[in-house]
């Protein structure tokens, strides 16, 4: 009997906070595959394949348990043809994209390559349109501004917002309670990271794999 694992992704934390994009993907997958063994959720840009830890966990889980990886759309997996085909090959062709047709229970390589190329081209066009818009704005105002706010001011505000969201993140708060108790018991950050991963306590992005630096940052942030 075939087993299915879902992977859903949005690119930014603001999209992750609203949950709308993730819910939409989840709904599409559920329509076609109502029985999902495990869901992997990631809030991360799709640009760097190796930097997407949740996706790597998902792929390894599918390989180990011989599951099919199901994603709502091809571009949620990647907007790079080479990366998409690499994933397809790693999974021994056990990949399903709900926006692509399947023949004899498998995704055709030609179809996957073709639609991946469309996704890659769209990424290039988005980047081009953004650059053109910024260039025109700079020509007009002499620098990138929104109203009377320049780019440096926006960057400072963005950092502040990100920190505020991190402070309020439920996963972070829950993790800190565990981290604080373990620090009091004499454990170091390496040991605590291992314990959190084993206990499958989620990070702010939903991963269950902890790094010592993440543990240290959360401890220092909430301890203050």
Foldseek 3Di string as FASTA:
>chain_A
DAAEEEEAEAAAVVCVVVCPRVVVWVVQCCVVPVDHPYYQYFHHHQPDLVVGVSVVVVLVVCQVVVHAYETAALCRNHLALVSSVVSCVSSVQSYYHSVADADPNGGDSVRSSVVSPVSNVVVVVVVVVVVVVLVVCCVVVVADDDVPHGPVNVVVVVVVVVLVCQVVQPLLVVLLVVLVVVVVVPDALQVSQVVQLVVQRADSGGGSHGDSVSSVVSNVVVVD
